[in-house]
Amino acid sequence: SFLRIIPKKINRINNHHLRSLCFELSTANDQM
């Protein structure tokens, strides 16, 4: 069960990271 928890946490972190990256890109495009 411990091995199943790790991928879920990684996915959650990756999703959050991707979301913040997309947000930064969109705001940068708005400022141009």
PDB file of N, CA and C in Angstrom:
ATOM      1  N   SER A   1       0.834  -1.204   0.000  1.00  0.00           N
ATOM      2  CA  SER A   1       0.000   0.000   0.000  1.00  0.00           C
ATOM      3  C   SER A   1       0.868   1.253   0.000  1.00  0.00           C
ATOM      4  N   PHE A   2       2.042   1.169   0.621  1.00  0.00           N
ATOM      5  CA  PHE A   2       2.932   2.335   0.677  1.00  0.00           C
ATOM      6  C   PHE A   2       3.396   2.730  -0.722  1.00  0.00           C
ATOM      7  N   LEU A   3       3.660   1.722  -1.560  1.00  0.00           N
ATOM      8  CA  LEU A   3       4.114   2.003  -2.924  1.00  0.00           C
ATOM      9  C   LEU A   3       3.008   2.631  -3.761  1.00  0.00           C
ATOM     10  N   ARG A   4       1.770   2.397  -3.381  1.00  0.00           N
ATOM     11  CA  ARG A   4       0.665   3.003  -4.138  1.00  0.00           C
ATOM     12  C   ARG A   4       0.485   4.472  -3.771  1.00  0.00           C
ATOM     13  N   ILE A   5       0.861   4.829  -2.561  1.00  0.00           N
ATOM     14  CA  ILE A   5       0.686   6.219  -2.112  1.00  0.00           C
ATOM     15  C   ILE A   5       1.688   7.149  -2.803  1.00  0.00           C
ATOM     16  N   ILE A   6       2.901   6.662  -3.031  1.00  0.00           N
ATOM     17  CA  ILE A   6       3.954   7.509  -3.610  1.00  0.00           C
ATOM     18  C   ILE A   6       3.570   8.075  -4.981  1.00  0.00           C
ATOM     19  N   PRO A   7       3.141   7.243  -5.950  1.00  0.00           N
ATOM     20  CA  PRO A   7       2.774   7.809  -7.260  1.00  0.00           C
ATOM     21  C   PRO A   7       1.658   8.838  -7.164  1.00  0.00           C
ATOM     22  N   LYS A   8       0.726   8.638  -6.244  1.00  0.00           N
ATOM     23  CA  LYS A   8      -0.350   9.616  -6.091  1.00  0.00           C
ATOM     24  C   LYS A   8       0.213  10.959  -5.647  1.00  0.00           C
ATOM     25  N   LYS A   9       1.146  10.935  -4.703  1.00  0.00           N
ATOM     26  CA  LYS A   9       1.739  12.195  -4.236  1.00  0.00           C
ATOM     27  C   LYS A   9       2.528  12.853  -5.362  1.00  0.00           C
ATOM     28  N   ILE A  10       3.266  12.044  -6.126  1.00  0.00           N
ATOM     29  CA  ILE A  10       4.058  12.593  -7.233  1.00  0.00           C
ATOM     30  C   ILE A  10       3.131  13.229  -8.264  1.00  0.00           C
ATOM     31  N   ASN A  11       2.037  12.550  -8.586  1.00  0.00           N
ATOM     32  CA  ASN A  11       1.089  13.097  -9.556  1.00  0.00           C
ATOM     33  C   ASN A  11       0.502  14.404  -9.055  1.00  0.00           C
ATOM     34  N   ARG A  12       0.203  14.442  -7.775  1.00  0.00           N
ATOM     35  CA  ARG A  12      -0.375  15.661  -7.205  1.00  0.00           C
ATOM     36  C   ARG A  12       0.620  16.812  -7.309  1.00  0.00           C
ATOM     37  N   ILE A  13       1.884  16.547  -6.989  1.00  0.00           N
ATOM     38  CA  ILE A  13       2.920  17.583  -7.066  1.00  0.00           C
ATOM     39  C   ILE A  13       3.125  18.022  -8.510  1.00  0.00           C
ATOM     40  N   ASN A  14       3.182  17.051  -9.428  1.00  0.00           N
ATOM     41  CA  ASN A  14       3.387  17.383 -10.838  1.00  0.00           C
ATOM     42  C   ASN A  14       2.231  18.215 -11.372  1.00  0.00           C
ATOM     43  N   ASN A  15       1.007  17.846 -11.020  1.00  0.00           N
ATOM     44  CA  ASN A  15      -0.156  18.602 -11.473  1.00  0.00           C
ATOM     45  C   ASN A  15      -0.095  20.039 -10.963  1.00  0.00           C
ATOM     46  N   HIS A  16       0.272  20.207  -9.713  1.00  0.00           N
ATOM     47  CA  HIS A  16       0.364  21.546  -9.140  1.00  0.00           C
ATOM     48  C   HIS A  16       1.464  22.342  -9.841  1.00  0.00           C
ATOM     49  N   HIS A  17       2.599  21.689 -10.111  1.00  0.00           N
ATOM     50  CA  HIS A  17       3.726  22.346 -10.771  1.00  0.00           C
ATOM     51  C   HIS A  17       3.337  22.756 -12.186  1.00  0.00           C
ATOM     52  N   LEU A  18       2.686  21.847 -12.916  1.00  0.00           N
ATOM     53  CA  LEU A  18       2.264  22.162 -14.285  1.00  0.00           C
ATOM     54  C   LEU A  18       1.259  23.303 -14.284  1.00  0.00           C
ATOM     55  N   ARG A  19       0.362  23.288 -13.315  1.00  0.00           N
ATOM     56  CA  ARG A  19      -0.655  24.334 -13.247  1.00  0.00           C
ATOM     57  C   ARG A  19      -0.008  25.691 -13.011  1.00  0.00           C
ATOM     58  N   SER A  20       0.960  25.757 -12.100  1.00  0.00           N
ATOM     59  CA  SER A  20       1.626  27.031 -11.815  1.00  0.00           C
ATOM     60  C   SER A  20       2.454  27.478 -13.013  1.00  0.00           C
ATOM     61  N   LEU A  21       3.057  26.513 -13.731  1.00  0.00           N
ATOM     62  CA  LEU A  21       3.831  26.857 -14.926  1.00  0.00           C
ATOM     63  C   LEU A  21       2.917  27.462 -15.985  1.00  0.00           C
ATOM     64  N   CYS A  22       1.769  26.834 -16.224  1.00  0.00           N
ATOM     65  CA  CYS A  22       0.818  27.347 -17.216  1.00  0.00           C
ATOM     66  C   CYS A  22       0.338  28.733 -16.803  1.00  0.00           C
ATOM     67  N   PHE A  23       0.112  28.932 -15.513  1.00  0.00           N
ATOM     68  CA  PHE A  23      -0.351  30.225 -15.018  1.00  0.00           C
ATOM     69  C   PHE A  23       0.704  31.301 -15.277  1.00  0.00           C
ATOM     70  N   GLU A  24       1.979  30.977 -15.024  1.00  0.00           N
ATOM     71  CA  GLU A  24       3.053  31.941 -15.261  1.00  0.00           C
ATOM     72  C   GLU A  24       3.163  32.267 -16.743  1.00  0.00           C
ATOM     73  N   LEU A  25       3.023  31.245 -17.599  1.00  0.00           N
ATOM     74  CA  LEU A  25       3.111  31.470 -19.042  1.00  0.00           C
ATOM     75  C   LEU A  25       1.969  32.358 -19.517  1.00  0.00           C
ATOM     76  N   SER A  26       0.764  32.108 -19.025  1.00  0.00           N
ATOM     77  CA  SER A  26      -0.396  32.890 -19.461  1.00  0.00           C
ATOM     78  C   SER A  26      -0.262  34.339 -19.001  1.00  0.00           C
ATOM     79  N   THR A  27       0.223  34.569 -17.790  1.00  0.00           N
ATOM     80  CA  THR A  27       0.380  35.943 -17.306  1.00  0.00           C
ATOM     81  C   THR A  27       1.489  36.644 -18.081  1.00  0.00           C
ATOM     82  N   ALA A  28       2.535  35.907 -18.439  1.00  0.00           N
ATOM     83  CA  ALA A  28       3.631  36.500 -19.215  1.00  0.00           C
ATOM     84  C   ALA A  28       3.117  36.909 -20.591  1.00  0.00           C
ATOM     85  N   ASN A  29       2.255  36.096 -21.193  1.00  0.00           N
ATOM     86  CA  ASN A  29       1.689  36.425 -22.504  1.00  0.00           C
ATOM     87  C   ASN A  29       0.804  37.661 -22.405  1.00  0.00           C
ATOM     88  N   ASP A  30       0.079  37.799 -21.315  1.00  0.00           N
ATOM     89  CA  ASP A  30      -0.794  38.957 -21.143  1.00  0.00           C
ATOM     90  C   ASP A  30       0.015  40.248 -21.021  1.00  0.00           C
ATOM     91  N   GLN A  31       1.196  40.158 -20.441  1.00  0.00           N
ATOM     92  CA  GLN A  31       2.006  41.359 -20.218  1.00  0.00           C
ATOM     93  C   GLN A  31       2.732  41.795 -21.489  1.00  0.00           C
ATOM     94  N   MET A  32       2.911  40.888 -22.451  1.00  0.00           N
ATOM     95  CA  MET A  32       3.634  41.235 -23.673  1.00  0.00           C
ATOM     96  C   MET A  32       2.828  42.179 -24.556  1.00  0.00           C
TER      97      MET A  32
END
